[in-house]
Amino acid sequence: MINRKAVLVLCSLTACLHADVEVMKDVTLGFGEALQHCREESQLSEDKMEEFFHFWRDDFKFEDRELGCAIKCMSAHFNLLTDSHRMHHENTDKFIKSFPNGEVLSQQMVQLIHECEQQHDAEAEHCWRILRVAECFKLGCQRRGIAPTMELLMAEFIMEAEAR
């Protein structure tokens, strides 16, 4: 006979993980809204801009400085950076919490970004450093099981396009 308590715990964990992925999807899409605004400032070509939509894919390459500049611009657009181009902890926390159920992930995301910033703090050039931090953040999210799948993001893109 299956232990009911174990089944309830397993179901709760599954629901929590799914909720975390949903929050990460919402934050990703919300953050991505600044991409068009930042395209020119970061000198992002149309091809590179298209690549950016595949950020969460396993084979996404963190090779182009322009992507780091775009992330820097997008972060600045939402006031998520300090004057030294580091994460503004309080504003980032508020930004994440502005999404449905964002409080579920805000502390974990801020901590992960902070740890990634510390790992790459020696990189003096802001765009390259922010690109390395983004790569570290993505890998950390994947390890923790909170990264949204491309399928989930694409489904959301399609739903948003159809709603317009």
Protein backbone atom coordinates (compact mmCIF):
# COMPACT_ATOMS: atom_id res chain seq x y z
CA MET A 1 0.00 0.00 0.00
CA ILE A 2 1.25 3.49 -0.91
CA ASN A 3 1.97 5.80 1.97
CA ARG A 4 -0.55 8.67 1.60
CA LYS A 5 1.70 11.09 3.43
CA ALA A 6 4.56 10.37 0.99
CA VAL A 7 2.22 10.90 -1.97
CA LEU A 8 1.04 14.24 -0.55
CA VAL A 9 4.61 15.40 0.04
CA LEU A 10 5.60 14.36 -3.48
CA CYS A 11 2.59 16.14 -4.97
CA SER A 12 3.38 19.27 -2.96
CA LEU A 13 7.00 19.25 -4.15
CA THR A 14 5.87 18.82 -7.75
CA ALA A 15 3.41 21.70 -7.41
CA CYS A 16 6.09 23.91 -5.82
CA LEU A 17 8.60 23.15 -8.57
CA HIS A 18 5.98 23.87 -11.22
CA ALA A 19 5.08 27.14 -9.45
CA ASP A 20 8.76 28.13 -9.37
CA VAL A 21 9.12 27.47 -13.11
CA GLU A 22 5.95 29.49 -13.79
CA VAL A 23 7.32 32.42 -11.79
CA MET A 24 10.64 32.20 -13.63
CA LYS A 25 8.76 32.16 -16.95
CA ASP A 26 6.83 35.28 -15.96
CA VAL A 27 9.96 37.09 -14.79
CA THR A 28 11.79 36.11 -18.00
CA LEU A 29 8.97 37.40 -20.20
CA GLY A 30 8.62 40.59 -18.14
CA PHE A 31 12.34 41.25 -18.27
CA GLY A 32 12.35 40.51 -22.00
CA GLU A 33 9.91 43.35 -22.63
CA ALA A 34 12.87 45.75 -22.49
CA LEU A 35 14.77 43.95 -25.26
CA GLN A 36 13.34 45.97 -28.15
CA HIS A 37 14.05 49.18 -26.23
CA CYS A 38 17.68 48.12 -25.75
CA ARG A 39 18.37 46.77 -29.24
CA GLU A 40 20.02 49.90 -30.63
CA GLU A 41 21.84 50.93 -27.46
CA SER A 42 23.49 47.51 -27.17
CA GLN A 43 24.18 47.28 -30.94
CA LEU A 44 22.28 44.01 -31.13
CA SER A 45 21.76 42.80 -34.69
CA GLU A 46 18.41 41.32 -35.72
CA ASP A 47 20.01 37.84 -35.70
CA LYS A 48 21.47 38.32 -32.22
CA MET A 49 18.16 39.65 -30.99
CA GLU A 50 16.47 36.49 -32.30
CA GLU A 51 19.09 34.34 -30.54
CA PHE A 52 18.29 36.10 -27.29
CA PHE A 53 14.86 34.47 -27.27
CA HIS A 54 16.62 31.11 -26.86
CA PHE A 55 18.36 32.09 -23.63
CA TRP A 56 17.04 29.10 -21.69
CA ARG A 57 18.01 26.48 -24.30
CA ASP A 58 20.86 24.18 -23.28
CA ASP A 59 22.89 25.12 -26.35
CA PHE A 60 22.60 28.91 -25.93
CA LYS A 61 26.05 30.46 -26.37
CA PHE A 62 27.31 33.20 -24.07
CA GLU A 63 29.92 34.43 -26.54
CA ASP A 64 28.85 37.86 -27.73
CA ARG A 65 29.58 40.99 -25.75
CA GLU A 66 26.49 42.63 -27.30
CA LEU A 67 24.28 40.16 -25.41
CA GLY A 68 25.86 41.27 -22.15
CA CYS A 69 25.31 44.91 -23.16
CA ALA A 70 21.67 44.11 -23.93
CA ILE A 71 21.20 42.48 -20.52
CA LYS A 72 22.89 45.50 -18.91
CA CYS A 73 20.55 47.87 -20.75
CA MET A 74 17.48 45.77 -19.90
CA SER A 75 18.52 45.71 -16.24
CA ALA A 76 19.03 49.47 -16.26
CA HIS A 77 15.64 49.91 -17.96
CA PHE A 78 13.99 48.32 -14.91
CA ASN A 79 16.36 50.11 -12.48
CA LEU A 80 17.94 46.82 -11.36
CA LEU A 81 21.55 48.07 -11.39
CA THR A 82 23.57 50.28 -9.08
CA ASP A 83 25.84 53.03 -10.41
CA SER A 84 28.67 50.47 -10.48
CA HIS A 85 26.60 48.20 -12.76
CA ARG A 86 26.02 45.62 -10.05
CA MET A 87 22.65 44.25 -9.03
CA HIS A 88 20.53 46.59 -6.95
CA HIS A 89 19.30 44.00 -4.45
CA GLU A 90 16.21 45.85 -3.21
CA ASN A 91 14.98 46.87 -6.67
CA THR A 92 15.60 43.39 -8.07
CA ASP A 93 13.67 41.85 -5.19
CA LYS A 94 10.74 44.26 -5.82
CA PHE A 95 10.86 43.58 -9.57
CA ILE A 96 10.61 39.81 -9.07
CA LYS A 97 7.87 40.22 -6.46
CA SER A 98 5.88 42.32 -8.94
CA PHE A 99 5.01 39.12 -10.82
CA PRO A 100 2.31 36.68 -9.67
CA ASN A 101 3.81 34.53 -6.89
CA GLY A 102 7.16 36.31 -7.32
CA GLU A 103 7.76 36.20 -3.59
CA VAL A 104 8.25 32.44 -4.00
CA LEU A 105 11.50 32.98 -5.92
CA SER A 106 12.67 36.52 -5.21
CA GLN A 107 15.07 35.72 -2.38
CA GLN A 108 16.51 32.69 -4.19
CA MET A 109 17.01 34.63 -7.44
CA VAL A 110 18.63 37.63 -5.75
CA GLN A 111 20.96 35.31 -3.83
CA LEU A 112 21.90 33.41 -6.98
CA ILE A 113 22.62 36.59 -8.96
CA HIS A 114 24.68 37.92 -6.04
CA GLU A 115 26.75 34.73 -5.89
CA CYS A 116 27.30 34.89 -9.66
CA GLU A 117 28.36 38.53 -9.42
CA GLN A 118 30.90 37.63 -6.76
CA GLN A 119 32.33 34.86 -8.97
CA HIS A 120 32.83 37.27 -11.88
CA ASP A 121 33.65 40.47 -10.02
CA ALA A 122 37.21 40.58 -11.38
CA GLU A 123 35.90 41.20 -14.93
CA ALA A 124 36.27 44.96 -15.32
CA GLU A 125 34.30 45.40 -18.54
CA HIS A 126 30.62 45.68 -17.62
CA CYS A 127 29.07 43.96 -20.65
CA TRP A 128 31.37 40.94 -20.44
CA ARG A 129 30.91 40.66 -16.65
CA ILE A 130 27.11 40.85 -16.95
CA LEU A 131 27.19 38.21 -19.70
CA ARG A 132 29.20 35.89 -17.41
CA VAL A 133 26.80 36.57 -14.54
CA ALA A 134 23.84 35.74 -16.82
CA GLU A 135 25.47 32.46 -17.83
CA CYS A 136 26.15 31.58 -14.19
CA PHE A 137 22.56 32.53 -13.27
CA LYS A 138 21.11 30.34 -16.01
CA LEU A 139 23.21 27.34 -14.97
CA GLY A 140 22.25 27.88 -11.33
CA CYS A 141 18.56 28.00 -12.24
CA GLN A 142 18.90 24.81 -14.27
CA ARG A 143 20.65 23.05 -11.37
CA ARG A 144 17.86 24.12 -9.01
CA GLY A 145 15.13 23.04 -11.43
CA ILE A 146 13.60 26.51 -11.71
CA ALA A 147 14.56 27.31 -15.32
CA PRO A 148 11.58 27.50 -17.67
CA THR A 149 11.62 25.22 -20.69
CA MET A 150 11.70 26.64 -24.18
CA GLU A 151 8.40 24.87 -24.82
CA LEU A 152 6.77 26.73 -21.94
CA LEU A 153 8.13 30.07 -23.14
CA MET A 154 7.17 29.45 -26.77
CA ALA A 155 3.64 28.50 -25.73
CA GLU A 156 3.41 31.78 -23.83
CA PHE A 157 4.73 33.75 -26.83
CA ILE A 158 2.09 32.15 -29.04
CA MET A 159 -0.69 32.83 -26.54
CA GLU A 160 0.38 36.48 -26.24
CA ALA A 161 0.58 36.88 -30.03
CA GLU A 162 -2.91 35.44 -30.47
CA ALA A 163 -4.30 37.71 -27.76
CA ARG A 164 -3.18 40.84 -29.66
